[in-house]
Amino acid sequence: MGSPAGTDLFLSLTNPCSHPPREDGRGGFLTRKLNKEQHGIGLKSVKAIVRKCDGTLNHEYDRETKLFNISVLLKDKV
């Protein structure tokens, strides 16, 4: 199923996070989960798609609400 021409895709994902995310210095985040090698794959996949499609990805953490938000914008390339 296709999208109408001139349609952009915007995604906003929000997760509760009791502690501020810790950046790993390589554009990713460090996990606090026990099986560290099995986590973070989803965000890496999203970043790869954003890069491939010349999109934008932004993230923010709200210390007051303790919510971590990632927003993705993929522009229509018609």
N, C-alpha and C. Protein backbone atom coordinates (compact mmCIF):
# COMPACT_ATOMS: atom_id res chain seq x y z
N MET A 1 0.85 -1.17 0.00
CA MET A 1 0.00 0.00 0.00
C MET A 1 0.89 1.23 0.00
N GLY A 2 0.70 2.14 -0.91
CA GLY A 2 1.51 3.34 -1.02
C GLY A 2 0.88 4.52 -0.32
N SER A 3 1.64 5.61 -0.29
CA SER A 3 1.17 6.86 0.30
C SER A 3 0.92 7.86 -0.80
N PRO A 4 0.00 8.78 -0.59
CA PRO A 4 -0.21 9.82 -1.58
C PRO A 4 1.05 10.67 -1.75
N ALA A 5 1.30 11.15 -2.95
CA ALA A 5 2.46 12.01 -3.20
C ALA A 5 2.40 13.23 -2.29
N GLY A 6 3.56 13.66 -1.82
CA GLY A 6 3.63 14.82 -0.94
C GLY A 6 3.36 14.50 0.51
N THR A 7 3.37 13.22 0.87
CA THR A 7 3.09 12.81 2.24
C THR A 7 4.38 12.52 2.98
N ASP A 8 4.58 13.17 4.11
CA ASP A 8 5.71 12.90 4.98
C ASP A 8 5.26 11.93 6.07
N LEU A 9 6.23 11.26 6.69
CA LEU A 9 5.91 10.36 7.78
C LEU A 9 6.55 10.89 9.05
N PHE A 10 5.75 11.10 10.09
CA PHE A 10 6.25 11.57 11.37
C PHE A 10 5.88 10.53 12.43
N LEU A 11 6.87 10.09 13.20
CA LEU A 11 6.66 9.15 14.29
C LEU A 11 7.14 9.78 15.58
N SER A 12 6.41 9.57 16.64
CA SER A 12 6.82 10.03 17.96
C SER A 12 6.63 8.86 18.93
N LEU A 13 7.72 8.47 19.57
CA LEU A 13 7.70 7.35 20.50
C LEU A 13 8.10 7.85 21.87
N THR A 14 7.30 7.51 22.89
CA THR A 14 7.56 7.97 24.24
C THR A 14 7.57 6.78 25.20
N ASN A 15 8.60 6.74 26.05
CA ASN A 15 8.72 5.69 27.05
C ASN A 15 9.00 6.31 28.41
N PRO A 16 8.42 5.73 29.47
CA PRO A 16 8.80 6.17 30.80
C PRO A 16 10.23 5.72 31.09
N CYS A 17 10.96 6.56 31.78
CA CYS A 17 12.36 6.27 32.08
C CYS A 17 12.70 6.95 33.41
N SER A 18 12.85 6.16 34.45
CA SER A 18 13.01 6.74 35.79
C SER A 18 14.33 7.50 35.96
N HIS A 19 15.32 7.18 35.14
CA HIS A 19 16.61 7.88 35.20
C HIS A 19 16.92 8.44 33.82
N PRO A 20 17.60 9.58 33.75
CA PRO A 20 17.96 10.13 32.43
C PRO A 20 18.81 9.13 31.65
N PRO A 21 18.55 8.98 30.36
CA PRO A 21 19.36 8.09 29.54
C PRO A 21 20.82 8.55 29.53
N ARG A 22 21.72 7.59 29.49
CA ARG A 22 23.16 7.89 29.44
C ARG A 22 23.64 7.64 28.01
N GLU A 23 24.21 8.67 27.39
CA GLU A 23 24.71 8.52 26.03
C GLU A 23 26.03 7.76 26.05
N ASP A 24 26.26 6.99 24.98
CA ASP A 24 27.47 6.18 24.91
C ASP A 24 28.64 6.87 24.21
N GLY A 25 28.45 8.10 23.74
CA GLY A 25 29.52 8.83 23.06
C GLY A 25 29.63 8.50 21.58
N ARG A 26 28.80 7.57 21.09
CA ARG A 26 28.83 7.18 19.67
C ARG A 26 27.46 7.41 19.02
N GLY A 27 26.64 8.24 19.64
CA GLY A 27 25.31 8.52 19.09
C GLY A 27 24.23 7.59 19.59
N GLY A 28 24.57 6.71 20.53
CA GLY A 28 23.59 5.79 21.08
C GLY A 28 23.45 6.00 22.57
N PHE A 29 22.84 5.03 23.23
CA PHE A 29 22.60 5.13 24.66
C PHE A 29 23.07 3.86 25.35
N LEU A 30 23.47 4.00 26.59
CA LEU A 30 23.87 2.86 27.41
C LEU A 30 22.63 2.29 28.08
N THR A 31 22.55 0.98 28.13
CA THR A 31 21.41 0.33 28.76
C THR A 31 21.72 0.04 30.23
N ARG A 32 20.69 -0.01 31.02
CA ARG A 32 20.83 -0.42 32.42
C ARG A 32 20.34 -1.86 32.60
N LYS A 33 19.94 -2.48 31.51
CA LYS A 33 19.42 -3.85 31.56
C LYS A 33 20.57 -4.85 31.69
N LEU A 34 20.26 -6.03 32.22
CA LEU A 34 21.30 -7.03 32.49
C LEU A 34 21.92 -7.60 31.22
N ASN A 35 21.12 -7.98 30.24
CA ASN A 35 21.63 -8.56 28.99
C ASN A 35 21.97 -7.44 28.01
N LYS A 36 23.04 -6.73 28.27
CA LYS A 36 23.38 -5.52 27.51
C LYS A 36 23.50 -5.76 26.01
N GLU A 37 24.04 -6.90 25.60
CA GLU A 37 24.24 -7.16 24.17
C GLU A 37 22.93 -7.41 23.43
N GLN A 38 21.85 -7.63 24.15
CA GLN A 38 20.56 -7.90 23.52
C GLN A 38 19.65 -6.68 23.51
N HIS A 39 20.18 -5.52 23.84
CA HIS A 39 19.36 -4.31 23.90
C HIS A 39 19.97 -3.21 23.04
N GLY A 40 19.11 -2.29 22.58
CA GLY A 40 19.57 -1.17 21.77
C GLY A 40 19.51 -1.43 20.28
N ILE A 41 19.13 -2.63 19.89
CA ILE A 41 19.07 -2.98 18.46
C ILE A 41 17.97 -2.20 17.76
N GLY A 42 16.84 -2.01 18.42
CA GLY A 42 15.72 -1.29 17.81
C GLY A 42 16.07 0.14 17.45
N LEU A 43 16.69 0.86 18.36
CA LEU A 43 17.06 2.24 18.10
C LEU A 43 18.13 2.32 17.01
N LYS A 44 19.07 1.38 17.00
CA LYS A 44 20.08 1.35 15.94
C LYS A 44 19.43 1.12 14.59
N SER A 45 18.42 0.26 14.54
CA SER A 45 17.70 0.00 13.29
C SER A 45 16.96 1.24 12.82
N VAL A 46 16.30 1.94 13.73
CA VAL A 46 15.58 3.17 13.39
C VAL A 46 16.57 4.21 12.86
N LYS A 47 17.72 4.36 13.51
CA LYS A 47 18.72 5.34 13.06
C LYS A 47 19.22 4.99 11.66
N ALA A 48 19.40 3.71 11.37
CA ALA A 48 19.85 3.30 10.04
C ALA A 48 18.83 3.67 8.97
N ILE A 49 17.55 3.47 9.26
CA ILE A 49 16.49 3.81 8.31
C ILE A 49 16.43 5.32 8.11
N VAL A 50 16.52 6.07 9.19
CA VAL A 50 16.49 7.54 9.11
C VAL A 50 17.65 8.03 8.25
N ARG A 51 18.84 7.47 8.45
CA ARG A 51 20.02 7.85 7.69
C ARG A 51 19.82 7.51 6.20
N LYS A 52 19.33 6.31 5.92
CA LYS A 52 19.12 5.85 4.55
C LYS A 52 18.11 6.72 3.81
N CYS A 53 17.10 7.19 4.52
CA CYS A 53 16.02 7.98 3.91
C CYS A 53 16.23 9.49 4.05
N ASP A 54 17.42 9.90 4.50
CA ASP A 54 17.71 11.33 4.71
C ASP A 54 16.68 12.00 5.60
N GLY A 55 16.27 11.29 6.63
CA GLY A 55 15.29 11.84 7.57
C GLY A 55 15.97 12.51 8.75
N THR A 56 15.18 12.83 9.74
CA THR A 56 15.72 13.42 10.97
C THR A 56 15.22 12.63 12.17
N LEU A 57 16.05 12.57 13.17
CA LEU A 57 15.72 11.88 14.42
C LEU A 57 16.12 12.80 15.57
N ASN A 58 15.21 13.05 16.45
CA ASN A 58 15.49 13.88 17.63
C ASN A 58 15.06 13.11 18.87
N HIS A 59 15.76 13.39 19.96
CA HIS A 59 15.38 12.75 21.22
C HIS A 59 15.49 13.76 22.35
N GLU A 60 14.68 13.54 23.36
CA GLU A 60 14.72 14.41 24.54
C GLU A 60 14.24 13.64 25.76
N TYR A 61 14.70 14.05 26.90
CA TYR A 61 14.27 13.46 28.16
C TYR A 61 13.73 14.58 29.04
N ASP A 62 12.53 14.41 29.53
CA ASP A 62 11.91 15.40 30.41
C ASP A 62 12.09 14.92 31.85
N ARG A 63 12.93 15.61 32.60
CA ARG A 63 13.22 15.21 33.98
C ARG A 63 12.00 15.32 34.89
N GLU A 64 11.10 16.23 34.57
CA GLU A 64 9.91 16.42 35.39
C GLU A 64 8.93 15.26 35.25
N THR A 65 8.64 14.89 34.02
CA THR A 65 7.68 13.81 33.77
C THR A 65 8.35 12.44 33.70
N LYS A 66 9.69 12.43 33.62
CA LYS A 66 10.49 11.20 33.49
C LYS A 66 10.09 10.42 32.24
N LEU A 67 9.91 11.17 31.14
CA LEU A 67 9.56 10.56 29.86
C LEU A 67 10.68 10.81 28.85
N PHE A 68 11.03 9.76 28.11
CA PHE A 68 12.02 9.83 27.04
C PHE A 68 11.26 9.78 25.72
N ASN A 69 11.49 10.75 24.85
CA ASN A 69 10.77 10.83 23.58
C ASN A 69 11.74 10.84 22.42
N ILE A 70 11.42 10.05 21.41
CA ILE A 70 12.16 10.07 20.15
C ILE A 70 11.16 10.43 19.06
N SER A 71 11.53 11.37 18.21
CA SER A 71 10.69 11.72 17.08
C SER A 71 11.49 11.53 15.79
N VAL A 72 10.80 11.02 14.78
CA VAL A 72 11.41 10.72 13.48
C VAL A 72 10.58 11.39 12.40
N LEU A 73 11.25 12.04 11.48
CA LEU A 73 10.57 12.62 10.33
C LEU A 73 11.25 12.10 9.06
N LEU A 74 10.44 11.45 8.21
CA LEU A 74 10.90 10.98 6.92
C LEU A 74 10.13 11.77 5.86
N LYS A 75 10.85 12.53 5.07
CA LYS A 75 10.23 13.38 4.06
C LYS A 75 9.92 12.58 2.81
N ASP A 76 8.81 12.92 2.17
CA ASP A 76 8.44 12.29 0.90
C ASP A 76 9.44 12.75 -0.15
N LYS A 77 9.94 11.82 -0.94
CA LYS A 77 10.96 12.15 -1.95
C LYS A 77 10.40 12.12 -3.36
N VAL A 78 9.15 12.48 -3.55
CA VAL A 78 8.55 12.44 -4.89
C VAL A 78 9.02 13.60 -5.70
